[in-house]
PDB file of N, CA and C in Angstrom:
ATOM      1  N   MET A   1     -19.748 -10.811  -1.896  1.00  0.00           N
ATOM      2  CA  MET A   1     -18.758 -10.374  -2.867  1.00  0.00           C
ATOM      3  C   MET A   1     -17.369 -10.571  -2.270  1.00  0.00           C
ATOM      4  N   SER A   2     -16.514 -11.284  -2.992  1.00  0.00           N
ATOM      5  CA  SER A   2     -15.177 -11.527  -2.466  1.00  0.00           C
ATOM      6  C   SER A   2     -14.244 -10.370  -2.818  1.00  0.00           C
ATOM      7  N   ARG A   3     -13.260 -10.178  -1.982  1.00  0.00           N
ATOM      8  CA  ARG A   3     -12.284  -9.102  -2.189  1.00  0.00           C
ATOM      9  C   ARG A   3     -11.139  -9.606  -3.053  1.00  0.00           C
ATOM     10  N   GLN A   4     -10.482  -8.668  -3.724  1.00  0.00           N
ATOM     11  CA  GLN A   4      -9.262  -8.978  -4.468  1.00  0.00           C
ATOM     12  C   GLN A   4      -8.222  -9.478  -3.477  1.00  0.00           C
ATOM     13  N   THR A   5      -7.479 -10.497  -3.846  1.00  0.00           N
ATOM     14  CA  THR A   5      -6.401 -10.979  -2.984  1.00  0.00           C
ATOM     15  C   THR A   5      -5.069 -10.450  -3.493  1.00  0.00           C
ATOM     16  N   ILE A   6      -4.223 -10.096  -2.554  1.00  0.00           N
ATOM     17  CA  ILE A   6      -2.889  -9.598  -2.880  1.00  0.00           C
ATOM     18  C   ILE A   6      -1.877 -10.200  -1.915  1.00  0.00           C
ATOM     19  N   GLY A   7      -0.618 -10.134  -2.324  1.00  0.00           N
ATOM     20  CA  GLY A   7       0.476 -10.542  -1.458  1.00  0.00           C
ATOM     21  C   GLY A   7       1.412  -9.385  -1.145  1.00  0.00           C
ATOM     22  N   SER A   8       1.271  -8.270  -1.915  1.00  0.00           N
ATOM     23  CA  SER A   8       2.187  -7.139  -1.775  1.00  0.00           C
ATOM     24  C   SER A   8       1.496  -5.815  -2.092  1.00  0.00           C
ATOM     25  N   PHE A   9       2.123  -4.751  -1.622  1.00  0.00           N
ATOM     26  CA  PHE A   9       1.772  -3.390  -2.027  1.00  0.00           C
ATOM     27  C   PHE A   9       2.998  -2.779  -2.697  1.00  0.00           C
ATOM     28  N   ARG A  10       2.776  -1.872  -3.646  1.00  0.00           N
ATOM     29  CA  ARG A  10       3.855  -1.114  -4.279  1.00  0.00           C
ATOM     30  C   ARG A  10       3.471   0.360  -4.242  1.00  0.00           C
ATOM     31  N   LEU A  11       4.447   1.211  -3.892  1.00  0.00           N
ATOM     32  CA  LEU A  11       4.209   2.652  -3.827  1.00  0.00           C
ATOM     33  C   LEU A  11       5.246   3.396  -4.648  1.00  0.00           C
ATOM     34  N   LEU A  12       4.760   4.278  -5.522  1.00  0.00           N
ATOM     35  CA  LEU A  12       5.600   5.222  -6.266  1.00  0.00           C
ATOM     36  C   LEU A  12       5.461   6.576  -5.586  1.00  0.00           C
ATOM     37  N   ASN A  13       6.579   7.139  -5.163  1.00  0.00           N
ATOM     38  CA  ASN A  13       6.567   8.458  -4.527  1.00  0.00           C
ATOM     39  C   ASN A  13       6.837   9.521  -5.584  1.00  0.00           C
ATOM     40  N   GLU A  14       5.769  10.194  -6.013  1.00  0.00           N
ATOM     41  CA  GLU A  14       5.872  11.275  -6.992  1.00  0.00           C
ATOM     42  C   GLU A  14       5.840  12.637  -6.313  1.00  0.00           C
ATOM     43  N   GLY A  15       5.935  12.650  -4.993  1.00  0.00           N
ATOM     44  CA  GLY A  15       5.844  13.897  -4.243  1.00  0.00           C
ATOM     45  C   GLY A  15       7.196  14.499  -3.935  1.00  0.00           C
ATOM     46  N   GLY A  16       7.150  15.629  -3.282  1.00  0.00           N
ATOM     47  CA  GLY A  16       8.365  16.331  -2.884  1.00  0.00           C
ATOM     48  C   GLY A  16       8.662  16.095  -1.412  1.00  0.00           C
ATOM     49  N   PHE A  17       8.649  14.847  -0.970  1.00  0.00           N
ATOM     50  CA  PHE A  17       8.813  14.499   0.440  1.00  0.00           C
ATOM     51  C   PHE A  17       9.288  13.058   0.558  1.00  0.00           C
ATOM     52  N   ILE A  18       9.672  12.674   1.754  1.00  0.00           N
ATOM     53  CA  ILE A  18      10.026  11.291   2.067  1.00  0.00           C
ATOM     54  C   ILE A  18       8.780  10.607   2.616  1.00  0.00           C
ATOM     55  N   ALA A  19       8.525   9.394   2.152  1.00  0.00           N
ATOM     56  CA  ALA A  19       7.361   8.633   2.596  1.00  0.00           C
ATOM     57  C   ALA A  19       7.805   7.273   3.129  1.00  0.00           C
ATOM     58  N   LYS A  20       6.938   6.662   3.931  1.00  0.00           N
ATOM     59  CA  LYS A  20       7.136   5.305   4.431  1.00  0.00           C
ATOM     60  C   LYS A  20       5.795   4.596   4.381  1.00  0.00           C
ATOM     61  N   MET A  21       5.819   3.309   4.036  1.00  0.00           N
ATOM     62  CA  MET A  21       4.589   2.525   4.045  1.00  0.00           C
ATOM     63  C   MET A  21       4.468   1.750   5.349  1.00  0.00           C
ATOM     64  N   SER A  22       3.233   1.562   5.781  1.00  0.00           N
ATOM     65  CA  SER A  22       2.892   0.577   6.799  1.00  0.00           C
ATOM     66  C   SER A  22       1.537   0.019   6.404  1.00  0.00           C
ATOM     67  N   PHE A  23       1.078  -1.009   7.094  1.00  0.00           N
ATOM     68  CA  PHE A  23      -0.112  -1.723   6.669  1.00  0.00           C
ATOM     69  C   PHE A  23      -1.056  -1.913   7.849  1.00  0.00           C
ATOM     70  N   ASN A  24      -2.319  -1.603   7.623  1.00  0.00           N
ATOM     71  CA  ASN A  24      -3.349  -1.761   8.644  1.00  0.00           C
ATOM     72  C   ASN A  24      -4.171  -2.996   8.305  1.00  0.00           C
ATOM     73  N   TYR A  25      -4.457  -3.814   9.321  1.00  0.00           N
ATOM     74  CA  TYR A  25      -5.235  -5.019   9.077  1.00  0.00           C
ATOM     75  C   TYR A  25      -6.101  -5.350  10.283  1.00  0.00           C
ATOM     76  N   ILE A  26      -7.066  -6.212  10.048  1.00  0.00           N
ATOM     77  CA  ILE A  26      -7.953  -6.702  11.092  1.00  0.00           C
ATOM     78  C   ILE A  26      -7.501  -8.121  11.432  1.00  0.00           C
ATOM     79  N   ASP A  27      -7.204  -8.377  12.717  1.00  0.00           N
ATOM     80  CA  ASP A  27      -6.752  -9.716  13.092  1.00  0.00           C
ATOM     81  C   ASP A  27      -7.946 -10.655  13.295  1.00  0.00           C
ATOM     82  N   ASP A  28      -7.662 -11.913  13.661  1.00  0.00           N
ATOM     83  CA  ASP A  28      -8.710 -12.928  13.822  1.00  0.00           C
ATOM     84  C   ASP A  28      -9.709 -12.585  14.921  1.00  0.00           C
ATOM     85  N   ASP A  29      -9.298 -11.754  15.867  1.00  0.00           N
ATOM     86  CA  ASP A  29     -10.180 -11.353  16.967  1.00  0.00           C
ATOM     87  C   ASP A  29     -10.946 -10.072  16.653  1.00  0.00           C
ATOM     88  N   GLY A  30     -10.814  -9.563  15.423  1.00  0.00           N
ATOM     89  CA  GLY A  30     -11.532  -8.366  15.018  1.00  0.00           C
ATOM     90  C   GLY A  30     -10.882  -7.069  15.452  1.00  0.00           C
ATOM     91  N   ARG A  31      -9.645  -7.142  15.950  1.00  0.00           N
ATOM     92  CA  ARG A  31      -8.926  -5.936  16.385  1.00  0.00           C
ATOM     93  C   ARG A  31      -8.127  -5.349  15.229  1.00  0.00           C
ATOM     94  N   SER A  32      -8.107  -4.019  15.187  1.00  0.00           N
ATOM     95  CA  SER A  32      -7.335  -3.302  14.183  1.00  0.00           C
ATOM     96  C   SER A  32      -5.870  -3.268  14.608  1.00  0.00           C
ATOM     97  N   LYS A  33      -4.976  -3.613  13.689  1.00  0.00           N
ATOM     98  CA  LYS A  33      -3.539  -3.645  13.965  1.00  0.00           C
ATOM     99  C   LYS A  33      -2.798  -2.876  12.877  1.00  0.00           C
ATOM    100  N   SER A  34      -1.612  -2.400  13.222  1.00  0.00           N
ATOM    101  CA  SER A  34      -0.722  -1.732  12.263  1.00  0.00           C
ATOM    102  C   SER A  34       0.645  -2.388  12.323  1.00  0.00           C
ATOM    103  N   THR A  35       1.306  -2.447  11.183  1.00  0.00           N
ATOM    104  CA  THR A  35       2.645  -3.027  11.115  1.00  0.00           C
ATOM    105  C   THR A  35       3.701  -1.958  11.348  1.00  0.00           C
ATOM    106  N   LEU A  36       4.940  -2.396  11.407  1.00  0.00           N
ATOM    107  CA  LEU A  36       6.073  -1.476  11.390  1.00  0.00           C
ATOM    108  C   LEU A  36       6.146  -0.816  10.018  1.00  0.00           C
ATOM    109  N   GLN A  37       6.904   0.270   9.921  1.00  0.00           N
ATOM    110  CA  GLN A  37       7.059   0.992   8.658  1.00  0.00           C
ATOM    111  C   GLN A  37       8.185   0.405   7.819  1.00  0.00           C
ATOM    112  N   THR A  38       8.104   0.678   6.512  1.00  0.00           N
ATOM    113  CA  THR A  38       9.203   0.361   5.607  1.00  0.00           C
ATOM    114  C   THR A  38      10.323   1.379   5.821  1.00  0.00           C
ATOM    115  N   ARG A  39      11.399   1.188   5.116  1.00  0.00           N
ATOM    116  CA  ARG A  39      12.453   2.205   5.108  1.00  0.00           C
ATOM    117  C   ARG A  39      11.961   3.410   4.311  1.00  0.00           C
ATOM    118  N   ASP A  40      12.742   4.473   4.292  1.00  0.00           N
ATOM    119  CA  ASP A  40      12.372   5.695   3.572  1.00  0.00           C
ATOM    120  C   ASP A  40      12.196   5.442   2.077  1.00  0.00           C
ATOM    121  N   ILE A  41      11.179   6.094   1.512  1.00  0.00           N
ATOM    122  CA  ILE A  41      10.955   6.083   0.070  1.00  0.00           C
ATOM    123  C   ILE A  41      11.115   7.536  -0.381  1.00  0.00           C
ATOM    124  N   TYR A  42      12.213   7.815  -1.064  1.00  0.00           N
ATOM    125  CA  TYR A  42      12.538   9.179  -1.467  1.00  0.00           C
ATOM    126  C   TYR A  42      11.771   9.576  -2.734  1.00  0.00           C
ATOM    127  N   PRO A  43      11.659  10.880  -3.007  1.00  0.00           N
ATOM    128  CA  PRO A  43      10.979  11.329  -4.225  1.00  0.00           C
ATOM    129  C   PRO A  43      11.531  10.633  -5.462  1.00  0.00           C
ATOM    130  N   GLY A  44      10.621  10.150  -6.305  1.00  0.00           N
ATOM    131  CA  GLY A  44      11.011   9.464  -7.533  1.00  0.00           C
ATOM    132  C   GLY A  44      11.254   7.978  -7.365  1.00  0.00           C
ATOM    133  N   GLN A  45      11.266   7.472  -6.136  1.00  0.00           N
ATOM    134  CA  GLN A  45      11.517   6.057  -5.897  1.00  0.00           C
ATOM    135  C   GLN A  45      10.216   5.263  -5.820  1.00  0.00           C
ATOM    136  N   THR A  46      10.324   3.985  -6.142  1.00  0.00           N
ATOM    137  CA  THR A  46       9.237   3.031  -5.990  1.00  0.00           C
ATOM    138  C   THR A  46       9.714   1.935  -5.050  1.00  0.00           C
ATOM    139  N   MET A  47       8.825   1.484  -4.171  1.00  0.00           N
ATOM    140  CA  MET A  47       9.144   0.381  -3.274  1.00  0.00           C
ATOM    141  C   MET A  47       7.978  -0.596  -3.253  1.00  0.00           C
ATOM    142  N   ALA A  48       8.309  -1.874  -3.289  1.00  0.00           N
ATOM    143  CA  ALA A  48       7.315  -2.926  -3.115  1.00  0.00           C
ATOM    144  C   ALA A  48       7.591  -3.620  -1.788  1.00  0.00           C
ATOM    145  N   ALA A  49       6.525  -4.052  -1.124  1.00  0.00           N
ATOM    146  CA  ALA A  49       6.666  -4.725   0.176  1.00  0.00           C
ATOM    147  C   ALA A  49       5.737  -5.922   0.239  1.00  0.00           C
ATOM    148  N   LYS A  50       6.300  -7.095   0.581  1.00  0.00           N
ATOM    149  CA  LYS A  50       5.502  -8.307   0.771  1.00  0.00           C
ATOM    150  C   LYS A  50       4.876  -8.256   2.162  1.00  0.00           C
ATOM    151  N   LEU A  51       3.590  -8.506   2.226  1.00  0.00           N
ATOM    152  CA  LEU A  51       2.865  -8.397   3.492  1.00  0.00           C
ATOM    153  C   LEU A  51       3.326  -9.422   4.525  1.00  0.00           C
ATOM    154  N   THR A  52       3.743 -10.605   4.087  1.00  0.00           N
ATOM    155  CA  THR A  52       4.224 -11.601   5.049  1.00  0.00           C
ATOM    156  C   THR A  52       5.493 -11.116   5.752  1.00  0.00           C
ATOM    157  N   ASP A  53       6.302 -10.306   5.076  1.00  0.00           N
ATOM    158  CA  ASP A  53       7.520  -9.771   5.689  1.00  0.00           C
ATOM    159  C   ASP A  53       7.213  -8.801   6.825  1.00  0.00           C
ATOM    160  N   PHE A  54       5.984  -8.308   6.886  1.00  0.00           N
ATOM    161  CA  PHE A  54       5.579  -7.354   7.916  1.00  0.00           C
ATOM    162  C   PHE A  54       4.612  -7.969   8.922  1.00  0.00           C
ATOM    163  N   GLY A  55       4.464  -9.288   8.873  1.00  0.00           N
ATOM    164  CA  GLY A  55       3.665  -9.982   9.872  1.00  0.00           C
ATOM    165  C   GLY A  55       2.163  -9.928   9.672  1.00  0.00           C
ATOM    166  N   VAL A  56       1.704  -9.551   8.478  1.00  0.00           N
ATOM    167  CA  VAL A  56       0.264  -9.533   8.218  1.00  0.00           C
ATOM    168  C   VAL A  56      -0.198 -10.986   8.057  1.00  0.00           C
ATOM    169  N   PRO A  57      -1.165 -11.424   8.868  1.00  0.00           N
ATOM    170  CA  PRO A  57      -1.614 -12.815   8.801  1.00  0.00           C
ATOM    171  C   PRO A  57      -2.323 -13.145   7.492  1.00  0.00           C
ATOM    172  N   ASP A  58      -2.163 -14.372   7.066  1.00  0.00           N
ATOM    173  CA  ASP A  58      -2.842 -14.859   5.875  1.00  0.00           C
ATOM    174  C   ASP A  58      -4.350 -14.742   6.080  1.00  0.00           C
ATOM    175  N   GLY A  59      -5.055 -14.216   5.084  1.00  0.00           N
ATOM    176  CA  GLY A  59      -6.502 -14.060   5.148  1.00  0.00           C
ATOM    177  C   GLY A  59      -6.982 -12.752   5.750  1.00  0.00           C
ATOM    178  N   ALA A  60      -6.070 -11.954   6.310  1.00  0.00           N
ATOM    179  CA  ALA A  60      -6.465 -10.686   6.942  1.00  0.00           C
ATOM    180  C   ALA A  60      -6.908  -9.670   5.896  1.00  0.00           C
ATOM    181  N   LEU A  61      -7.849  -8.833   6.276  1.00  0.00           N
ATOM    182  CA  LEU A  61      -8.265  -7.693   5.462  1.00  0.00           C
ATOM    183  C   LEU A  61      -7.236  -6.592   5.708  1.00  0.00           C
ATOM    184  N   VAL A  62      -6.602  -6.085   4.659  1.00  0.00           N
ATOM    185  CA  VAL A  62      -5.463  -5.181   4.817  1.00  0.00           C
ATOM    186  C   VAL A  62      -5.582  -3.965   3.906  1.00  0.00           C
ATOM    187  N   SER A  63      -5.064  -2.828   4.389  1.00  0.00           N
ATOM    188  CA  SER A  63      -5.025  -1.606   3.587  1.00  0.00           C
ATOM    189  C   SER A  63      -3.678  -0.912   3.803  1.00  0.00           C
ATOM    190  N   LEU A  64      -3.354  -0.032   2.874  1.00  0.00           N
ATOM    191  CA  LEU A  64      -2.090   0.704   2.890  1.00  0.00           C
ATOM    192  C   LEU A  64      -2.222   1.999   3.676  1.00  0.00           C
ATOM    193  N   GLN A  65      -1.185   2.306   4.427  1.00  0.00           N
ATOM    194  CA  GLN A  65      -1.057   3.607   5.082  1.00  0.00           C
ATOM    195  C   GLN A  65       0.298   4.171   4.683  1.00  0.00           C
ATOM    196  N   VAL A  66       0.313   5.428   4.257  1.00  0.00           N
ATOM    197  CA  VAL A  66       1.574   6.079   3.891  1.00  0.00           C
ATOM    198  C   VAL A  66       1.823   7.195   4.886  1.00  0.00           C
ATOM    199  N   ASP A  67       2.982   7.152   5.518  1.00  0.00           N
ATOM    200  CA  ASP A  67       3.391   8.188   6.451  1.00  0.00           C
ATOM    201  C   ASP A  67       4.313   9.152   5.725  1.00  0.00           C
ATOM    202  N   VAL A  68       3.914  10.415   5.685  1.00  0.00           N
ATOM    203  CA  VAL A  68       4.696  11.465   5.043  1.00  0.00           C
ATOM    204  C   VAL A  68       5.523  12.132   6.135  1.00  0.00           C
ATOM    205  N   VAL A  69       6.846  12.084   5.966  1.00  0.00           N
ATOM    206  CA  VAL A  69       7.741  12.652   6.980  1.00  0.00           C
ATOM    207  C   VAL A  69       7.437  14.136   7.145  1.00  0.00           C
ATOM    208  N   TRP A  70       7.290  14.581   8.361  1.00  0.00           N
ATOM    209  CA  TRP A  70       6.988  15.951   8.778  1.00  0.00           C
ATOM    210  C   TRP A  70       5.547  16.368   8.524  1.00  0.00           C
ATOM    211  N   ASP A  71       4.678  15.409   8.169  1.00  0.00           N
ATOM    212  CA  ASP A  71       3.281  15.788   7.960  1.00  0.00           C
ATOM    213  C   ASP A  71       2.353  14.885   8.744  1.00  0.00           C
ATOM    214  N   GLY A  72       2.121  13.720   8.283  1.00  0.00           N
ATOM    215  CA  GLY A  72       1.163  12.838   8.933  1.00  0.00           C
ATOM    216  C   GLY A  72       0.900  11.618   8.081  1.00  0.00           C
ATOM    217  N   GLN A  73      -0.284  11.064   8.243  1.00  0.00           N
ATOM    218  CA  GLN A  73      -0.630   9.816   7.586  1.00  0.00           C
ATOM    219  C   GLN A  73      -1.636  10.040   6.468  1.00  0.00           C
ATOM    220  N   ASN A  74      -1.529   9.214   5.470  1.00  0.00           N
ATOM    221  CA  ASN A  74      -2.460   9.212   4.354  1.00  0.00           C
ATOM    222  C   ASN A  74      -2.894   7.761   4.189  1.00  0.00           C
ATOM    223  N   LYS A  75      -4.171   7.463   4.431  1.00  0.00           N
ATOM    224  CA  LYS A  75      -4.660   6.085   4.388  1.00  0.00           C
ATOM    225  C   LYS A  75      -5.425   5.817   3.103  1.00  0.00           C
ATOM    226  N   ALA A  76      -5.162   4.655   2.528  1.00  0.00           N
ATOM    227  CA  ALA A  76      -5.869   4.239   1.316  1.00  0.00           C
ATOM    228  C   ALA A  76      -7.316   3.916   1.643  1.00  0.00           C
ATOM    229  N   ASP A  77      -8.201   4.168   0.688  1.00  0.00           N
ATOM    230  CA  ASP A  77      -9.623   3.867   0.853  1.00  0.00           C
ATOM    231  C   ASP A  77      -9.931   2.397   0.599  1.00  0.00           C
ATOM    232  N   GLU A  78      -9.066   1.719  -0.144  1.00  0.00           N
ATOM    233  CA  GLU A  78      -9.323   0.348  -0.561  1.00  0.00           C
ATOM    234  C   GLU A  78      -8.754  -0.654   0.445  1.00  0.00           C
ATOM    235  N   ALA A  79      -9.437  -1.790   0.562  1.00  0.00           N
ATOM    236  CA  ALA A  79      -8.951  -2.897   1.396  1.00  0.00           C
ATOM    237  C   ALA A  79      -8.914  -4.161   0.541  1.00  0.00           C
ATOM    238  N   PHE A  80      -7.957  -5.009   0.825  1.00  0.00           N
ATOM    239  CA  PHE A  80      -7.749  -6.242   0.080  1.00  0.00           C
ATOM    240  C   PHE A  80      -7.612  -7.405   1.056  1.00  0.00           C
ATOM    241  N   ALA A  81      -7.836  -8.611   0.558  1.00  0.00           N
ATOM    242  CA  ALA A  81      -7.612  -9.811   1.363  1.00  0.00           C
ATOM    243  C   ALA A  81      -6.172 -10.268   1.135  1.00  0.00           C
ATOM    244  N   HIS A  82      -5.432 -10.474   2.232  1.00  0.00           N
ATOM    245  CA  HIS A  82      -4.045 -10.943   2.104  1.00  0.00           C
ATOM    246  C   HIS A  82      -4.033 -12.449   1.902  1.00  0.00           C
ATOM    247  N   ASP A  83      -3.321 -12.868   0.864  1.00  0.00           N
ATOM    248  CA  ASP A  83      -3.101 -14.283   0.590  1.00  0.00           C
ATOM    249  C   ASP A  83      -1.605 -14.452   0.381  1.00  0.00           C
ATOM    250  N   ARG A  84      -0.965 -15.147   1.301  1.00  0.00           N
ATOM    251  CA  ARG A  84       0.498 -15.266   1.245  1.00  0.00           C
ATOM    252  C   ARG A  84       0.988 -15.946  -0.034  1.00  0.00           C
ATOM    253  N   LYS A  85       0.119 -16.685  -0.703  1.00  0.00           N
ATOM    254  CA  LYS A  85       0.492 -17.349  -1.954  1.00  0.00           C
ATOM    255  C   LYS A  85       0.175 -16.508  -3.184  1.00  0.00           C
ATOM    256  N   SER A  86      -0.482 -15.388  -2.989  1.00  0.00           N
ATOM    257  CA  SER A  86      -0.903 -14.552  -4.112  1.00  0.00           C
ATOM    258  C   SER A  86       0.264 -13.786  -4.725  1.00  0.00           C
ATOM    259  N   ASP A  87       0.237 -13.682  -6.056  1.00  0.00           N
ATOM    260  CA  ASP A  87       1.218 -12.849  -6.750  1.00  0.00           C
ATOM    261  C   ASP A  87       0.622 -11.472  -7.047  1.00  0.00           C
ATOM    262  N   GLY A  88      -0.524 -11.161  -6.459  1.00  0.00           N
ATOM    263  CA  GLY A  88      -1.185  -9.878  -6.670  1.00  0.00           C
ATOM    264  C   GLY A  88      -0.482  -8.744  -5.955  1.00  0.00           C
ATOM    265  N   ILE A  89      -0.373  -7.622  -6.653  1.00  0.00           N
ATOM    266  CA  ILE A  89       0.246  -6.421  -6.093  1.00  0.00           C
ATOM    267  C   ILE A  89      -0.721  -5.259  -6.269  1.00  0.00           C
ATOM    268  N   ALA A  90      -1.056  -4.592  -5.177  1.00  0.00           N
ATOM    269  CA  ALA A  90      -1.851  -3.366  -5.247  1.00  0.00           C
ATOM    270  C   ALA A  90      -0.866  -2.214  -5.421  1.00  0.00           C
ATOM    271  N   CYS A  91      -0.976  -1.511  -6.539  1.00  0.00           N
ATOM    272  CA  CYS A  91      -0.014  -0.460  -6.891  1.00  0.00           C
ATOM    273  C   CYS A  91      -0.617   0.916  -6.593  1.00  0.00           C
ATOM    274  N   TYR A  92       0.136   1.734  -5.881  1.00  0.00           N
ATOM    275  CA  TYR A  92      -0.302   3.071  -5.488  1.00  0.00           C
ATOM    276  C   TYR A  92       0.752   4.093  -5.879  1.00  0.00           C
ATOM    277  N   ALA A  93       0.312   5.349  -5.955  1.00  0.00           N
ATOM    278  CA  ALA A  93       1.213   6.483  -6.130  1.00  0.00           C
ATOM    279  C   ALA A  93       0.778   7.562  -5.146  1.00  0.00           C
ATOM    280  N   ILE A  94       1.758   8.298  -4.646  1.00  0.00           N
ATOM    281  CA  ILE A  94       1.479   9.449  -3.798  1.00  0.00           C
ATOM    282  C   ILE A  94       2.176  10.648  -4.432  1.00  0.00           C
ATOM    283  N   ALA A  95       1.506  11.806  -4.419  1.00  0.00           N
ATOM    284  CA  ALA A  95       2.047  13.005  -5.059  1.00  0.00           C
ATOM    285  C   ALA A  95       1.658  14.233  -4.253  1.00  0.00           C
ATOM    286  N   GLY A  96       2.324  15.339  -4.549  1.00  0.00           N
ATOM    287  CA  GLY A  96       2.024  16.604  -3.900  1.00  0.00           C
ATOM    288  C   GLY A  96       3.194  17.105  -3.090  1.00  0.00           C
ATOM    289  N   THR A  97       2.858  17.863  -2.059  1.00  0.00           N
ATOM    290  CA  THR A  97       3.875  18.435  -1.174  1.00  0.00           C
ATOM    291  C   THR A  97       3.702  17.843   0.220  1.00  0.00           C
ATOM    292  N   THR A  98       4.605  18.177   1.114  1.00  0.00           N
ATOM    293  CA  THR A  98       4.512  17.686   2.479  1.00  0.00           C
ATOM    294  C   THR A  98       3.178  18.071   3.105  1.00  0.00           C
ATOM    295  N   ALA A  99       2.742  19.288   2.908  1.00  0.00           N
ATOM    296  CA  ALA A  99       1.520  19.785   3.544  1.00  0.00           C
ATOM    297  C   ALA A  99       0.246  19.407   2.797  1.00  0.00           C
ATOM    298  N   SER A 100       0.354  19.093   1.516  1.00  0.00           N
ATOM    299  CA  SER A 100      -0.833  18.794   0.718  1.00  0.00           C
ATOM    300  C   SER A 100      -0.499  17.672  -0.258  1.00  0.00           C
ATOM    301  N   ASN A 101      -0.889  16.447   0.092  1.00  0.00           N
ATOM    302  CA  ASN A 101      -0.572  15.307  -0.761  1.00  0.00           C
ATOM    303  C   ASN A 101      -1.781  14.400  -0.903  1.00  0.00           C
ATOM    304  N   MET A 102      -1.748  13.583  -1.951  1.00  0.00           N
ATOM    305  CA  MET A 102      -2.840  12.654  -2.173  1.00  0.00           C
ATOM    306  C   MET A 102      -2.310  11.303  -2.614  1.00  0.00           C
ATOM    307  N   LEU A 103      -3.022  10.276  -2.172  1.00  0.00           N
ATOM    308  CA  LEU A 103      -2.682   8.884  -2.429  1.00  0.00           C
ATOM    309  C   LEU A 103      -3.736   8.289  -3.355  1.00  0.00           C
ATOM    310  N   ALA A 104      -3.304   7.522  -4.374  1.00  0.00           N
ATOM    311  CA  ALA A 104      -4.257   6.931  -5.302  1.00  0.00           C
ATOM    312  C   ALA A 104      -3.837   5.526  -5.703  1.00  0.00           C
ATOM    313  N   LEU A 105      -4.820   4.643  -5.804  1.00  0.00           N
ATOM    314  CA  LEU A 105      -4.613   3.317  -6.370  1.00  0.00           C
ATOM    315  C   LEU A 105      -4.419   3.487  -7.871  1.00  0.00           C
ATOM    316  N   THR A 106      -3.297   2.996  -8.408  1.00  0.00           N
ATOM    317  CA  THR A 106      -3.022   3.157  -9.837  1.00  0.00           C
ATOM    318  C   THR A 106      -3.251   1.878 -10.625  1.00  0.00           C
ATOM    319  N   GLY A 107      -3.362   0.750  -9.943  1.00  0.00           N
ATOM    320  CA  GLY A 107      -3.633  -0.492 -10.647  1.00  0.00           C
ATOM    321  C   GLY A 107      -3.419  -1.702  -9.774  1.00  0.00           C
ATOM    322  N   LEU A 108      -3.849  -2.846 -10.308  1.00  0.00           N
ATOM    323  CA  LEU A 108      -3.611  -4.140  -9.677  1.00  0.00           C
ATOM    324  C   LEU A 108      -2.810  -4.969 -10.658  1.00  0.00           C
ATOM    325  N   GLU A 109      -1.695  -5.490 -10.188  1.00  0.00           N
ATOM    326  CA  GLU A 109      -0.812  -6.272 -11.043  1.00  0.00           C
ATOM    327  C   GLU A 109      -0.830  -7.707 -10.568  1.00  0.00           C
ATOM    328  N   ARG A 110      -0.904  -8.618 -11.500  1.00  0.00           N
ATOM    329  CA  ARG A 110      -0.879 -10.048 -11.185  1.00  0.00           C
ATOM    330  C   ARG A 110       0.216 -10.705 -12.010  1.00  0.00           C
ATOM    331  N   GLY A 111       1.293 -11.056 -11.364  1.00  0.00           N
ATOM    332  CA  GLY A 111       2.386 -11.741 -12.046  1.00  0.00           C
ATOM    333  C   GLY A 111       2.767 -11.056 -13.343  1.00  0.00           C
ATOM    334  N   SER A 112       2.726 -11.781 -14.445  1.00  0.00           N
ATOM    335  CA  SER A 112       3.091 -11.218 -15.749  1.00  0.00           C
ATOM    336  C   SER A 112       1.869 -10.724 -16.518  1.00  0.00           C
ATOM    337  N   ALA A 113       0.701 -10.673 -15.847  1.00  0.00           N
ATOM    338  CA  ALA A 113      -0.529 -10.267 -16.533  1.00  0.00           C
ATOM    339  C   ALA A 113      -0.593  -8.772 -16.817  1.00  0.00           C
ATOM    340  N   GLY A 114       0.307  -7.991 -16.221  1.00  0.00           N
ATOM    341  CA  GLY A 114       0.310  -6.553 -16.468  1.00  0.00           C
ATOM    342  C   GLY A 114      -0.494  -5.795 -15.425  1.00  0.00           C
ATOM    343  N   VAL A 115      -0.716  -4.536 -15.679  1.00  0.00           N
ATOM    344  CA  VAL A 115      -1.399  -3.663 -14.732  1.00  0.00           C
ATOM    345  C   VAL A 115      -2.762  -3.287 -15.285  1.00  0.00           C
ATOM    346  N   GLN A 116      -3.774  -3.406 -14.425  1.00  0.00           N
ATOM    347  CA  GLN A 116      -5.115  -2.948 -14.780  1.00  0.00           C
ATOM    348  C   GLN A 116      -5.233  -1.522 -14.279  1.00  0.00           C
ATOM    349  N   LYS A 117      -5.224  -0.554 -15.174  1.00  0.00           N
ATOM    350  CA  LYS A 117      -5.258   0.861 -14.788  1.00  0.00           C
ATOM    351  C   LYS A 117      -6.587   1.227 -14.140  1.00  0.00           C
ATOM    352  N   THR A 118      -6.500   1.937 -13.003  1.00  0.00           N
ATOM    353  CA  THR A 118      -7.725   2.374 -12.334  1.00  0.00           C
ATOM    354  C   THR A 118      -7.705   3.861 -12.029  1.00  0.00           C
ATOM    355  N   GLY A 119      -6.675   4.558 -12.448  1.00  0.00           N
ATOM    356  CA  GLY A 119      -6.597   5.990 -12.172  1.00  0.00           C
ATOM    357  C   GLY A 119      -5.190   6.374 -11.797  1.00  0.00           C
ATOM    358  N   GLY A 120      -5.057   7.422 -11.009  1.00  0.00           N
ATOM    359  CA  GLY A 120      -3.745   7.858 -10.575  1.00  0.00           C
ATOM    360  C   GLY A 120      -3.494   9.299 -10.918  1.00  0.00           C
ATOM    361  N   PHE A 121      -2.237   9.651 -11.003  1.00  0.00           N
ATOM    362  CA  PHE A 121      -1.837  11.027 -11.226  1.00  0.00           C
ATOM    363  C   PHE A 121      -1.400  11.219 -12.656  1.00  0.00           C
ATOM    364  N   GLN A 122      -1.776  12.337 -13.241  1.00  0.00           N
ATOM    365  CA  GLN A 122      -1.419  12.633 -14.626  1.00  0.00           C
ATOM    366  C   GLN A 122      -0.201  13.529 -14.678  1.00  0.00           C
TER     367      GLN A 122
END
């Protein structure tokens, strides 16, 4: 079974905290790696990040990690295949408080095809 390919992640911060994205991937040697973080994502803001801008190799299996300032890390359950030519975007939202927050995949967007809803916060 092949994985969905993406070129970017997008995060909507619906929480009462500052968040930052980083990306975890498996390199060609099978080692787990993490990228640098994005800039701050304030409550109510959305940020998209291209994986090539963070050094994620083409073809790597990649997942989202959200760092909540003053709390810790929240890792996505889903993994995607990075394709530097892909217009696919894995869209996530994070909500809650600094001490109690949750991360959810809200859809996959492909160019102008729109968003395929998969859940999220109500």
